[in-house]
Amino acid sequence: MKNQWRLSYTGPALVVSSGLVFYAEKRPKGLSLEDVLGMIKEHPGQGYYEKLVKRRVTLGDALSLGRFSELGTEKLMTSSLDFYRVEHDRDFLKLPKSGGALLRNKYQSKPRRA
C-alpha cells in the first residue's frame, strides 16, 4: 500500500508544526518533549523559548556559523522555539502566540493549495 499513513507511535506528543514534532526519542533542534513542556510550564505566556543543549552541529549550523570543521561534532548550542516565526505547510484560521496557548487549544487547519 503505497502513499498511505501508518501508525508508528502512540504516546505523548507535541506538534508545533510539521517540522517540529516532539515525542519519545524525536528531538527536533536537540530539544526533548520534556524540555519543551518544562519551558512552557515555567513561562506559559511567552512566544519564544530557548535552552542551552548539547547537540550535533548540523549542515545548517555549520553554514550559518562558517565552521565546517565542527560539522557532526557535539557541542553546547542554544536551541530555540519561536512561535512568531514557525513556518507551516497548512493554512490555519488562528495560530498560538504562546506555548500556553498551544497547550490549551486545538488549532484546525486545511491543506495549502498549490
PDB file of N, CA and C in Angstrom:
ATOM      1  N   MET A   1       0.841  -1.177   0.000  1.00  0.00           N
ATOM      2  CA  MET A   1       0.000   0.000   0.000  1.00  0.00           C
ATOM      3  C   MET A   1       0.882   1.234   0.000  1.00  0.00           C
ATOM      4  N   LYS A   2       0.926   1.859  -1.111  1.00  0.00           N
ATOM      5  CA  LYS A   2       1.791   2.999  -1.315  1.00  0.00           C
ATOM      6  C   LYS A   2       1.095   4.313  -0.928  1.00  0.00           C
ATOM      7  N   ASN A   3       1.875   5.261  -0.418  1.00  0.00           N
ATOM      8  CA  ASN A   3       1.377   6.601  -0.086  1.00  0.00           C
ATOM      9  C   ASN A   3       0.230   6.600   0.904  1.00  0.00           C
ATOM     10  N   GLN A   4       0.311   5.762   1.910  1.00  0.00           N
ATOM     11  CA  GLN A   4      -0.720   5.723   2.930  1.00  0.00           C
ATOM     12  C   GLN A   4      -0.092   6.024   4.292  1.00  0.00           C
ATOM     13  N   TRP A   5      -0.886   6.651   5.157  1.00  0.00           N
ATOM     14  CA  TRP A   5      -0.439   6.915   6.512  1.00  0.00           C
ATOM     15  C   TRP A   5      -0.382   5.601   7.270  1.00  0.00           C
ATOM     16  N   ARG A   6       0.549   5.526   8.212  1.00  0.00           N
ATOM     17  CA  ARG A   6       0.607   4.364   9.079  1.00  0.00           C
ATOM     18  C   ARG A   6       0.938   4.822  10.488  1.00  0.00           C
ATOM     19  N   LEU A   7       0.443   4.105  11.456  1.00  0.00           N
ATOM     20  CA  LEU A   7       0.688   4.423  12.854  1.00  0.00           C
ATOM     21  C   LEU A   7       2.054   3.879  13.240  1.00  0.00           C
ATOM     22  N   SER A   8       2.948   4.783  13.677  1.00  0.00           N
ATOM     23  CA  SER A   8       4.286   4.331  14.065  1.00  0.00           C
ATOM     24  C   SER A   8       4.587   4.599  15.536  1.00  0.00           C
ATOM     25  N   TYR A   9       3.677   5.315  16.231  1.00  0.00           N
ATOM     26  CA  TYR A   9       3.928   5.648  17.634  1.00  0.00           C
ATOM     27  C   TYR A   9       2.610   5.997  18.298  1.00  0.00           C
ATOM     28  N   THR A  10       2.445   5.567  19.531  1.00  0.00           N
ATOM     29  CA  THR A  10       1.330   6.022  20.368  1.00  0.00           C
ATOM     30  C   THR A  10       1.924   6.459  21.694  1.00  0.00           C
ATOM     31  N   GLY A  11       1.540   7.626  22.155  1.00  0.00           N
ATOM     32  CA  GLY A  11       2.044   8.163  23.404  1.00  0.00           C
ATOM     33  C   GLY A  11       2.004   9.673  23.376  1.00  0.00           C
ATOM     34  N   PRO A  12       2.520  10.305  24.422  1.00  0.00           N
ATOM     35  CA  PRO A  12       2.521  11.768  24.491  1.00  0.00           C
ATOM     36  C   PRO A  12       3.331  12.380  23.353  1.00  0.00           C
ATOM     37  N   ALA A  13       2.809  13.472  22.794  1.00  0.00           N
ATOM     38  CA  ALA A  13       3.491  14.184  21.715  1.00  0.00           C
ATOM     39  C   ALA A  13       3.041  15.638  21.719  1.00  0.00           C
ATOM     40  N   LEU A  14       3.844  16.492  21.135  1.00  0.00           N
ATOM     41  CA  LEU A  14       3.501  17.902  20.962  1.00  0.00           C
ATOM     42  C   LEU A  14       3.854  18.278  19.535  1.00  0.00           C
ATOM     43  N   VAL A  15       2.854  18.754  18.789  1.00  0.00           N
ATOM     44  CA  VAL A  15       3.060  19.156  17.400  1.00  0.00           C
ATOM     45  C   VAL A  15       2.985  20.669  17.324  1.00  0.00           C
ATOM     46  N   VAL A  16       4.112  21.303  16.999  1.00  0.00           N
ATOM     47  CA  VAL A  16       4.167  22.755  16.824  1.00  0.00           C
ATOM     48  C   VAL A  16       3.964  23.085  15.349  1.00  0.00           C
ATOM     49  N   SER A  17       4.574  22.294  14.485  1.00  0.00           N
ATOM     50  CA  SER A  17       4.418  22.396  13.029  1.00  0.00           C
ATOM     51  C   SER A  17       4.823  21.049  12.451  1.00  0.00           C
ATOM     52  N   SER A  18       4.710  20.892  11.140  1.00  0.00           N
ATOM     53  CA  SER A  18       5.061  19.596  10.552  1.00  0.00           C
ATOM     54  C   SER A  18       6.546  19.275  10.756  1.00  0.00           C
ATOM     55  N   GLY A  19       7.382  20.270  10.902  1.00  0.00           N
ATOM     56  CA  GLY A  19       8.805  20.046  11.135  1.00  0.00           C
ATOM     57  C   GLY A  19       9.208  20.016  12.594  1.00  0.00           C
ATOM     58  N   LEU A  20       8.282  20.363  13.471  1.00  0.00           N
ATOM     59  CA  LEU A  20       8.575  20.409  14.910  1.00  0.00           C
ATOM     60  C   LEU A  20       7.580  19.537  15.667  1.00  0.00           C
ATOM     61  N   VAL A  21       7.860  18.244  15.677  1.00  0.00           N
ATOM     62  CA  VAL A  21       7.028  17.271  16.368  1.00  0.00           C
ATOM     63  C   VAL A  21       7.892  16.639  17.454  1.00  0.00           C
ATOM     64  N   PHE A  22       7.494  16.807  18.705  1.00  0.00           N
ATOM     65  CA  PHE A  22       8.267  16.314  19.835  1.00  0.00           C
ATOM     66  C   PHE A  22       7.564  15.102  20.437  1.00  0.00           C
ATOM     67  N   TYR A  23       8.240  13.956  20.480  1.00  0.00           N
ATOM     68  CA  TYR A  23       7.704  12.749  21.107  1.00  0.00           C
ATOM     69  C   TYR A  23       8.835  11.750  21.303  1.00  0.00           C
ATOM     70  N   ALA A  24       8.626  10.837  22.244  1.00  0.00           N
ATOM     71  CA  ALA A  24       9.564   9.738  22.511  1.00  0.00           C
ATOM     72  C   ALA A  24      11.012  10.195  22.315  1.00  0.00           C
ATOM     73  N   GLU A  25      11.695   9.593  21.365  1.00  0.00           N
ATOM     74  CA  GLU A  25      13.105   9.920  21.104  1.00  0.00           C
ATOM     75  C   GLU A  25      13.274  10.979  20.021  1.00  0.00           C
ATOM     76  N   LYS A  26      12.192  11.514  19.492  1.00  0.00           N
ATOM     77  CA  LYS A  26      12.252  12.565  18.468  1.00  0.00           C
ATOM     78  C   LYS A  26      12.595  13.879  19.150  1.00  0.00           C
ATOM     79  N   ARG A  27      13.725  14.483  18.766  1.00  0.00           N
ATOM     80  CA  ARG A  27      14.231  15.680  19.434  1.00  0.00           C
ATOM     81  C   ARG A  27      14.613  16.754  18.419  1.00  0.00           C
ATOM     82  N   PRO A  28      13.636  17.414  17.789  1.00  0.00           N
ATOM     83  CA  PRO A  28      13.980  18.496  16.860  1.00  0.00           C
ATOM     84  C   PRO A  28      14.800  19.571  17.564  1.00  0.00           C
ATOM     85  N   LYS A  29      15.823  20.034  16.904  1.00  0.00           N
ATOM     86  CA  LYS A  29      16.705  21.073  17.448  1.00  0.00           C
ATOM     87  C   LYS A  29      17.376  20.645  18.747  1.00  0.00           C
ATOM     88  N   GLY A  30      17.405  19.342  19.016  1.00  0.00           N
ATOM     89  CA  GLY A  30      18.028  18.836  20.230  1.00  0.00           C
ATOM     90  C   GLY A  30      17.164  18.967  21.472  1.00  0.00           C
ATOM     91  N   LEU A  31      15.916  19.399  21.309  1.00  0.00           N
ATOM     92  CA  LEU A  31      15.008  19.584  22.434  1.00  0.00           C
ATOM     93  C   LEU A  31      14.076  18.385  22.561  1.00  0.00           C
ATOM     94  N   SER A  32      13.926  17.875  23.767  1.00  0.00           N
ATOM     95  CA  SER A  32      13.014  16.755  24.010  1.00  0.00           C
ATOM     96  C   SER A  32      11.623  17.292  24.318  1.00  0.00           C
ATOM     97  N   LEU A  33      10.654  16.405  24.307  1.00  0.00           N
ATOM     98  CA  LEU A  33       9.292  16.773  24.694  1.00  0.00           C
ATOM     99  C   LEU A  33       9.294  17.344  26.113  1.00  0.00           C
ATOM    100  N   GLU A  34      10.047  16.709  27.005  1.00  0.00           N
ATOM    101  CA  GLU A  34      10.130  17.181  28.396  1.00  0.00           C
ATOM    102  C   GLU A  34      10.749  18.579  28.469  1.00  0.00           C
ATOM    103  N   ASP A  35      11.781  18.839  27.652  1.00  0.00           N
ATOM    104  CA  ASP A  35      12.398  20.175  27.620  1.00  0.00           C
ATOM    105  C   ASP A  35      11.360  21.235  27.260  1.00  0.00           C
ATOM    106  N   VAL A  36      10.635  20.981  26.164  1.00  0.00           N
ATOM    107  CA  VAL A  36       9.673  21.965  25.656  1.00  0.00           C
ATOM    108  C   VAL A  36       8.532  22.164  26.651  1.00  0.00           C
ATOM    109  N   LEU A  37       7.976  21.081  27.175  1.00  0.00           N
ATOM    110  CA  LEU A  37       6.888  21.210  28.148  1.00  0.00           C
ATOM    111  C   LEU A  37       7.355  21.930  29.415  1.00  0.00           C
ATOM    112  N   GLY A  38       8.585  21.679  29.846  1.00  0.00           N
ATOM    113  CA  GLY A  38       9.131  22.362  31.019  1.00  0.00           C
ATOM    114  C   GLY A  38       9.275  23.858  30.797  1.00  0.00           C
ATOM    115  N   MET A  39       9.772  24.252  29.618  1.00  0.00           N
ATOM    116  CA  MET A  39       9.916  25.679  29.308  1.00  0.00           C
ATOM    117  C   MET A  39       8.550  26.357  29.253  1.00  0.00           C
ATOM    118  N   ILE A  40       7.572  25.688  28.638  1.00  0.00           N
ATOM    119  CA  ILE A  40       6.232  26.260  28.539  1.00  0.00           C
ATOM    120  C   ILE A  40       5.587  26.372  29.917  1.00  0.00           C
ATOM    121  N   LYS A  41       5.742  25.345  30.748  1.00  0.00           N
ATOM    122  CA  LYS A  41       5.159  25.374  32.094  1.00  0.00           C
ATOM    123  C   LYS A  41       5.749  26.525  32.914  1.00  0.00           C
ATOM    124  N   GLU A  42       7.047  26.752  32.758  1.00  0.00           N
ATOM    125  CA  GLU A  42       7.712  27.821  33.508  1.00  0.00           C
ATOM    126  C   GLU A  42       7.277  29.207  33.045  1.00  0.00           C
ATOM    127  N   HIS A  43       7.042  29.379  31.731  1.00  0.00           N
ATOM    128  CA  HIS A  43       6.660  30.687  31.175  1.00  0.00           C
ATOM    129  C   HIS A  43       5.575  30.495  30.108  1.00  0.00           C
ATOM    130  N   PRO A  44       4.330  30.183  30.516  1.00  0.00           N
ATOM    131  CA  PRO A  44       3.285  29.869  29.550  1.00  0.00           C
ATOM    132  C   PRO A  44       2.889  31.018  28.627  1.00  0.00           C
ATOM    133  N   GLY A  45       3.124  32.246  29.028  1.00  0.00           N
ATOM    134  CA  GLY A  45       2.725  33.399  28.211  1.00  0.00           C
ATOM    135  C   GLY A  45       3.744  33.820  27.169  1.00  0.00           C
ATOM    136  N   GLN A  46       4.899  33.192  27.162  1.00  0.00           N
ATOM    137  CA  GLN A  46       5.946  33.567  26.207  1.00  0.00           C
ATOM    138  C   GLN A  46       5.680  32.959  24.841  1.00  0.00           C
ATOM    139  N   GLY A  47       6.189  33.625  23.810  1.00  0.00           N
ATOM    140  CA  GLY A  47       6.108  33.108  22.451  1.00  0.00           C
ATOM    141  C   GLY A  47       7.457  32.657  21.943  1.00  0.00           C
ATOM    142  N   TYR A  48       8.506  32.855  22.756  1.00  0.00           N
ATOM    143  CA  TYR A  48       9.868  32.475  22.371  1.00  0.00           C
ATOM    144  C   TYR A  48      10.526  31.766  23.548  1.00  0.00           C
ATOM    145  N   TYR A  49      11.124  30.617  23.266  1.00  0.00           N
ATOM    146  CA  TYR A  49      11.802  29.828  24.304  1.00  0.00           C
ATOM    147  C   TYR A  49      13.172  29.425  23.788  1.00  0.00           C
ATOM    148  N   GLU A  50      14.128  29.362  24.697  1.00  0.00           N
ATOM    149  CA  GLU A  50      15.443  28.866  24.301  1.00  0.00           C
ATOM    150  C   GLU A  50      16.080  28.115  25.455  1.00  0.00           C
ATOM    151  N   LYS A  51      16.966  27.197  25.069  1.00  0.00           N
ATOM    152  CA  LYS A  51      17.656  26.381  26.063  1.00  0.00           C
ATOM    153  C   LYS A  51      19.021  26.001  25.513  1.00  0.00           C
ATOM    154  N   LEU A  52      20.005  25.949  26.376  1.00  0.00           N
ATOM    155  CA  LEU A  52      21.339  25.501  26.011  1.00  0.00           C
ATOM    156  C   LEU A  52      21.354  23.982  26.071  1.00  0.00           C
ATOM    157  N   VAL A  53      21.624  23.333  24.936  1.00  0.00           N
ATOM    158  CA  VAL A  53      21.627  21.872  24.869  1.00  0.00           C
ATOM    159  C   VAL A  53      22.863  21.389  24.123  1.00  0.00           C
ATOM    160  N   LYS A  54      23.303  20.193  24.473  1.00  0.00           N
ATOM    161  CA  LYS A  54      24.411  19.572  23.761  1.00  0.00           C
ATOM    162  C   LYS A  54      23.819  18.823  22.579  1.00  0.00           C
ATOM    163  N   ARG A  55      24.220  19.199  21.364  1.00  0.00           N
ATOM    164  CA  ARG A  55      23.700  18.538  20.177  1.00  0.00           C
ATOM    165  C   ARG A  55      24.734  18.556  19.064  1.00  0.00           C
ATOM    166  N   ARG A  56      24.472  17.765  18.046  1.00  0.00           N
ATOM    167  CA  ARG A  56      25.374  17.698  16.904  1.00  0.00           C
ATOM    168  C   ARG A  56      25.243  18.951  16.051  1.00  0.00           C
ATOM    169  N   VAL A  57      26.348  19.410  15.515  1.00  0.00           N
ATOM    170  CA  VAL A  57      26.349  20.552  14.602  1.00  0.00           C
ATOM    171  C   VAL A  57      25.842  20.049  13.252  1.00  0.00           C
ATOM    172  N   THR A  58      24.729  20.630  12.791  1.00  0.00           N
ATOM    173  CA  THR A  58      24.130  20.229  11.518  1.00  0.00           C
ATOM    174  C   THR A  58      24.783  20.997  10.369  1.00  0.00           C
ATOM    175  N   LEU A  59      24.455  20.607   9.156  1.00  0.00           N
ATOM    176  CA  LEU A  59      24.969  21.323   7.992  1.00  0.00           C
ATOM    177  C   LEU A  59      24.504  22.776   8.020  1.00  0.00           C
ATOM    178  N   GLY A  60      23.234  22.984   8.388  1.00  0.00           N
ATOM    179  CA  GLY A  60      22.716  24.352   8.506  1.00  0.00           C
ATOM    180  C   GLY A  60      23.477  25.168   9.530  1.00  0.00           C
ATOM    181  N   ASP A  61      23.801  24.545  10.677  1.00  0.00           N
ATOM    182  CA  ASP A  61      24.592  25.229  11.709  1.00  0.00           C
ATOM    183  C   ASP A  61      25.966  25.589  11.165  1.00  0.00           C
ATOM    184  N   ALA A  62      26.629  24.626  10.527  1.00  0.00           N
ATOM    185  CA  ALA A  62      27.982  24.845  10.002  1.00  0.00           C
ATOM    186  C   ALA A  62      27.982  25.958   8.968  1.00  0.00           C
ATOM    187  N   LEU A  63      26.945  26.001   8.112  1.00  0.00           N
ATOM    188  CA  LEU A  63      26.850  27.066   7.110  1.00  0.00           C
ATOM    189  C   LEU A  63      26.668  28.423   7.762  1.00  0.00           C
ATOM    190  N   SER A  64      25.758  28.509   8.737  1.00  0.00           N
ATOM    191  CA  SER A  64      25.498  29.808   9.368  1.00  0.00           C
ATOM    192  C   SER A  64      26.649  30.262  10.258  1.00  0.00           C
ATOM    193  N   LEU A  65      27.363  29.325  10.858  1.00  0.00           N
ATOM    194  CA  LEU A  65      28.490  29.674  11.730  1.00  0.00           C
ATOM    195  C   LEU A  65      29.795  29.839  10.956  1.00  0.00           C
ATOM    196  N   GLY A  66      29.837  29.278   9.737  1.00  0.00           N
ATOM    197  CA  GLY A  66      31.071  29.320   8.959  1.00  0.00           C
ATOM    198  C   GLY A  66      32.152  28.433   9.551  1.00  0.00           C
ATOM    199  N   ARG A  67      31.746  27.347  10.215  1.00  0.00           N
ATOM    200  CA  ARG A  67      32.700  26.448  10.873  1.00  0.00           C
ATOM    201  C   ARG A  67      32.462  25.012  10.396  1.00  0.00           C
ATOM    202  N   PHE A  68      32.887  24.710   9.187  1.00  0.00           N
ATOM    203  CA  PHE A  68      32.654  23.395   8.612  1.00  0.00           C
ATOM    204  C   PHE A  68      33.428  22.300   9.322  1.00  0.00           C
ATOM    205  N   SER A  69      34.504  22.663   9.993  1.00  0.00           N
ATOM    206  CA  SER A  69      35.285  21.655  10.715  1.00  0.00           C
ATOM    207  C   SER A  69      34.496  21.079  11.900  1.00  0.00           C
ATOM    208  N   GLU A  70      33.453  21.791  12.366  1.00  0.00           N
ATOM    209  CA  GLU A  70      32.651  21.332  13.501  1.00  0.00           C
ATOM    210  C   GLU A  70      31.452  20.481  13.071  1.00  0.00           C
ATOM    211  N   LEU A  71      31.235  20.340  11.766  1.00  0.00           N
ATOM    212  CA  LEU A  71      30.097  19.580  11.254  1.00  0.00           C
ATOM    213  C   LEU A  71      30.087  18.165  11.833  1.00  0.00           C
ATOM    214  N   GLY A  72      28.966  17.779  12.435  1.00  0.00           N
ATOM    215  CA  GLY A  72      28.816  16.442  13.003  1.00  0.00           C
ATOM    216  C   GLY A  72      29.341  16.283  14.414  1.00  0.00           C
ATOM    217  N   THR A  73      30.069  17.257  14.914  1.00  0.00           N
ATOM    218  CA  THR A  73      30.567  17.163  16.288  1.00  0.00           C
ATOM    219  C   THR A  73      29.469  17.591  17.258  1.00  0.00           C
ATOM    220  N   GLU A  74      29.603  17.184  18.503  1.00  0.00           N
ATOM    221  CA  GLU A  74      28.655  17.616  19.525  1.00  0.00           C
ATOM    222  C   GLU A  74      29.214  18.826  20.249  1.00  0.00           C
ATOM    223  N   LYS A  75      28.348  19.802  20.477  1.00  0.00           N
ATOM    224  CA  LYS A  75      28.755  20.975  21.252  1.00  0.00           C
ATOM    225  C   LYS A  75      27.537  21.613  21.883  1.00  0.00           C
ATOM    226  N   LEU A  76      27.773  22.422  22.898  1.00  0.00           N
ATOM    227  CA  LEU A  76      26.679  23.145  23.535  1.00  0.00           C
ATOM    228  C   LEU A  76      26.222  24.256  22.599  1.00  0.00           C
ATOM    229  N   MET A  77      24.934  24.255  22.319  1.00  0.00           N
ATOM    230  CA  MET A  77      24.369  25.257  21.426  1.00  0.00           C
ATOM    231  C   MET A  77      23.025  25.711  21.983  1.00  0.00           C
ATOM    232  N   THR A  78      22.631  26.920  21.646  1.00  0.00           N
ATOM    233  CA  THR A  78      21.318  27.415  22.045  1.00  0.00           C
ATOM    234  C   THR A  78      20.300  26.948  21.017  1.00  0.00           C
ATOM    235  N   SER A  79      19.302  26.224  21.488  1.00  0.00           N
ATOM    236  CA  SER A  79      18.185  25.814  20.639  1.00  0.00           C
ATOM    237  C   SER A  79      16.977  26.631  21.045  1.00  0.00           C
ATOM    238  N   SER A  80      16.178  27.013  20.065  1.00  0.00           N
ATOM    239  CA  SER A  80      15.035  27.859  20.373  1.00  0.00           C
ATOM    240  C   SER A  80      13.771  27.378  19.682  1.00  0.00           C
ATOM    241  N   LEU A  81      12.661  27.832  20.230  1.00  0.00           N
ATOM    242  CA  LEU A  81      11.337  27.581  19.685  1.00  0.00           C
ATOM    243  C   LEU A  81      10.647  28.936  19.655  1.00  0.00           C
ATOM    244  N   ASP A  82      10.357  29.435  18.456  1.00  0.00           N
ATOM    245  CA  ASP A  82       9.826  30.778  18.274  1.00  0.00           C
ATOM    246  C   ASP A  82       8.449  30.702  17.628  1.00  0.00           C
ATOM    247  N   PHE A  83       7.403  30.936  18.392  1.00  0.00           N
ATOM    248  CA  PHE A  83       6.039  30.845  17.875  1.00  0.00           C
ATOM    249  C   PHE A  83       5.726  31.943  16.863  1.00  0.00           C
ATOM    250  N   TYR A  84       6.520  33.003  16.833  1.00  0.00           N
ATOM    251  CA  TYR A  84       6.289  34.093  15.886  1.00  0.00           C
ATOM    252  C   TYR A  84       6.882  33.801  14.512  1.00  0.00           C
ATOM    253  N   ARG A  85       7.789  32.813  14.431  1.00  0.00           N
ATOM    254  CA  ARG A  85       8.464  32.524  13.169  1.00  0.00           C
ATOM    255  C   ARG A  85       8.307  31.081  12.693  1.00  0.00           C
ATOM    256  N   VAL A  86       7.406  30.336  13.294  1.00  0.00           N
ATOM    257  CA  VAL A  86       7.199  28.945  12.883  1.00  0.00           C
ATOM    258  C   VAL A  86       6.599  28.937  11.482  1.00  0.00           C
ATOM    259  N   GLU A  87       7.195  28.137  10.602  1.00  0.00           N
ATOM    260  CA  GLU A  87       6.671  28.011   9.245  1.00  0.00           C
ATOM    261  C   GLU A  87       5.718  26.826   9.179  1.00  0.00           C
ATOM    262  N   HIS A  88       4.605  27.024   8.484  1.00  0.00           N
ATOM    263  CA  HIS A  88       3.593  25.988   8.364  1.00  0.00           C
ATOM    264  C   HIS A  88       3.354  25.648   6.900  1.00  0.00           C
ATOM    265  N   ASP A  89       3.038  24.379   6.644  1.00  0.00           N
ATOM    266  CA  ASP A  89       2.696  23.968   5.288  1.00  0.00           C
ATOM    267  C   ASP A  89       1.190  23.715   5.164  1.00  0.00           C
ATOM    268  N   ARG A  90       0.433  24.240   6.117  1.00  0.00           N
ATOM    269  CA  ARG A  90      -1.031  24.166   6.106  1.00  0.00           C
ATOM    270  C   ARG A  90      -1.577  25.547   6.427  1.00  0.00           C
ATOM    271  N   ASP A  91      -2.838  25.795   6.105  1.00  0.00           N
ATOM    272  CA  ASP A  91      -3.473  27.082   6.386  1.00  0.00           C
ATOM    273  C   ASP A  91      -4.305  26.993   7.660  1.00  0.00           C
ATOM    274  N   PHE A  92      -4.050  27.922   8.575  1.00  0.00           N
ATOM    275  CA  PHE A  92      -4.748  27.986   9.855  1.00  0.00           C
ATOM    276  C   PHE A  92      -5.550  29.273   9.929  1.00  0.00           C
ATOM    277  N   LEU A  93      -6.748  29.215  10.529  1.00  0.00           N
ATOM    278  CA  LEU A  93      -7.517  30.434  10.773  1.00  0.00           C
ATOM    279  C   LEU A  93      -6.899  31.210  11.931  1.00  0.00           C
ATOM    280  N   LYS A  94      -6.363  30.471  12.902  1.00  0.00           N
ATOM    281  CA  LYS A  94      -5.777  31.072  14.094  1.00  0.00           C
ATOM    282  C   LYS A  94      -4.561  30.246  14.493  1.00  0.00           C
ATOM    283  N   LEU A  95      -3.522  30.918  14.997  1.00  0.00           N
ATOM    284  CA  LEU A  95      -2.310  30.235  15.451  1.00  0.00           C
ATOM    285  C   LEU A  95      -1.999  30.648  16.886  1.00  0.00           C
ATOM    286  N   PRO A  96      -1.349  29.790  17.649  1.00  0.00           N
ATOM    287  CA  PRO A  96      -0.975  30.160  19.027  1.00  0.00           C
ATOM    288  C   PRO A  96       0.102  31.225  19.027  1.00  0.00           C
ATOM    289  N   LYS A  97      -0.010  32.147  19.959  1.00  0.00           N
ATOM    290  CA  LYS A  97       1.004  33.198  20.125  1.00  0.00           C
ATOM    291  C   LYS A  97       1.953  32.874  21.276  1.00  0.00           C
ATOM    292  N   SER A  98       1.633  31.805  22.035  1.00  0.00           N
ATOM    293  CA  SER A  98       2.474  31.421  23.172  1.00  0.00           C
ATOM    294  C   SER A  98       2.403  29.913  23.357  1.00  0.00           C
ATOM    295  N   GLY A  99       3.337  29.400  24.133  1.00  0.00           N
ATOM    296  CA  GLY A  99       3.338  27.977  24.434  1.00  0.00           C
ATOM    297  C   GLY A  99       2.114  27.560  25.220  1.00  0.00           C
ATOM    298  N   GLY A 100       1.688  28.416  26.151  1.00  0.00           N
ATOM    299  CA  GLY A 100       0.498  28.111  26.934  1.00  0.00           C
ATOM    300  C   GLY A 100      -0.735  28.006  26.055  1.00  0.00           C
ATOM    301  N   ALA A 101      -0.857  28.898  25.072  1.00  0.00           N
ATOM    302  CA  ALA A 101      -1.996  28.857  24.147  1.00  0.00           C
ATOM    303  C   ALA A 101      -1.965  27.570  23.332  1.00  0.00           C
ATOM    304  N   LEU A 102      -0.790  27.125  22.933  1.00  0.00           N
ATOM    305  CA  LEU A 102      -0.680  25.876  22.173  1.00  0.00           C
ATOM    306  C   LEU A 102      -1.204  24.700  22.991  1.00  0.00           C
ATOM    307  N   LEU A 103      -0.871  24.671  24.283  1.00  0.00           N
ATOM    308  CA  LEU A 103      -1.286  23.558  25.131  1.00  0.00           C
ATOM    309  C   LEU A 103      -2.769  23.610  25.497  1.00  0.00           C
ATOM    310  N   ARG A 104      -3.347  24.806  25.561  1.00  0.00           N
ATOM    311  CA  ARG A 104      -4.744  24.956  25.975  1.00  0.00           C
ATOM    312  C   ARG A 104      -5.755  24.738  24.844  1.00  0.00           C
ATOM    313  N   ASN A 105      -5.358  24.968  23.605  1.00  0.00           N
ATOM    314  CA  ASN A 105      -6.312  24.990  22.497  1.00  0.00           C
ATOM    315  C   ASN A 105      -5.988  23.979  21.414  1.00  0.00           C
ATOM    316  N   LYS A 106      -6.973  23.752  20.549  1.00  0.00           N
ATOM    317  CA  LYS A 106      -6.778  22.960  19.338  1.00  0.00           C
ATOM    318  C   LYS A 106      -6.853  23.926  18.169  1.00  0.00           C
ATOM    319  N   TYR A 107      -6.004  23.739  17.185  1.00  0.00           N
ATOM    320  CA  TYR A 107      -5.938  24.632  16.039  1.00  0.00           C
ATOM    321  C   TYR A 107      -6.232  23.854  14.769  1.00  0.00           C
ATOM    322  N   GLN A 108      -7.359  24.169  14.155  1.00  0.00           N
ATOM    323  CA  GLN A 108      -7.791  23.486  12.944  1.00  0.00           C
ATOM    324  C   GLN A 108      -7.052  24.055  11.732  1.00  0.00           C
ATOM    325  N   SER A 109      -6.757  23.185  10.776  1.00  0.00           N
ATOM    326  CA  SER A 109      -6.067  23.634   9.573  1.00  0.00           C
ATOM    327  C   SER A 109      -6.611  22.914   8.348  1.00  0.00           C
ATOM    328  N   LYS A 110      -6.260  23.461   7.200  1.00  0.00           N
ATOM    329  CA  LYS A 110      -6.618  22.852   5.924  1.00  0.00           C
ATOM    330  C   LYS A 110      -5.355  22.752   5.074  1.00  0.00           C
ATOM    331  N   PRO A 111      -5.315  21.774   4.184  1.00  0.00           N
ATOM    332  CA  PRO A 111      -4.146  21.665   3.299  1.00  0.00           C
ATOM    333  C   PRO A 111      -3.986  22.932   2.469  1.00  0.00           C
ATOM    334  N   ARG A 112      -2.778  23.334   2.259  1.00  0.00           N
ATOM    335  CA  ARG A 112      -2.485  24.506   1.443  1.00  0.00           C
ATOM    336  C   ARG A 112      -2.590  24.103  -0.036  1.00  0.00           C
ATOM    337  N   ARG A 113      -3.240  24.920  -0.805  1.00  0.00           N
ATOM    338  CA  ARG A 113      -3.392  24.646  -2.243  1.00  0.00           C
ATOM    339  C   ARG A 113      -2.163  25.108  -2.997  1.00  0.00           C
ATOM    340  N   ALA A 114      -1.731  24.284  -3.937  1.00  0.00           N
ATOM    341  CA  ALA A 114      -0.521  24.594  -4.716  1.00  0.00           C
ATOM    342  C   ALA A 114      -0.772  25.608  -5.786  1.00  0.00           C
TER     343      ALA A 114
END
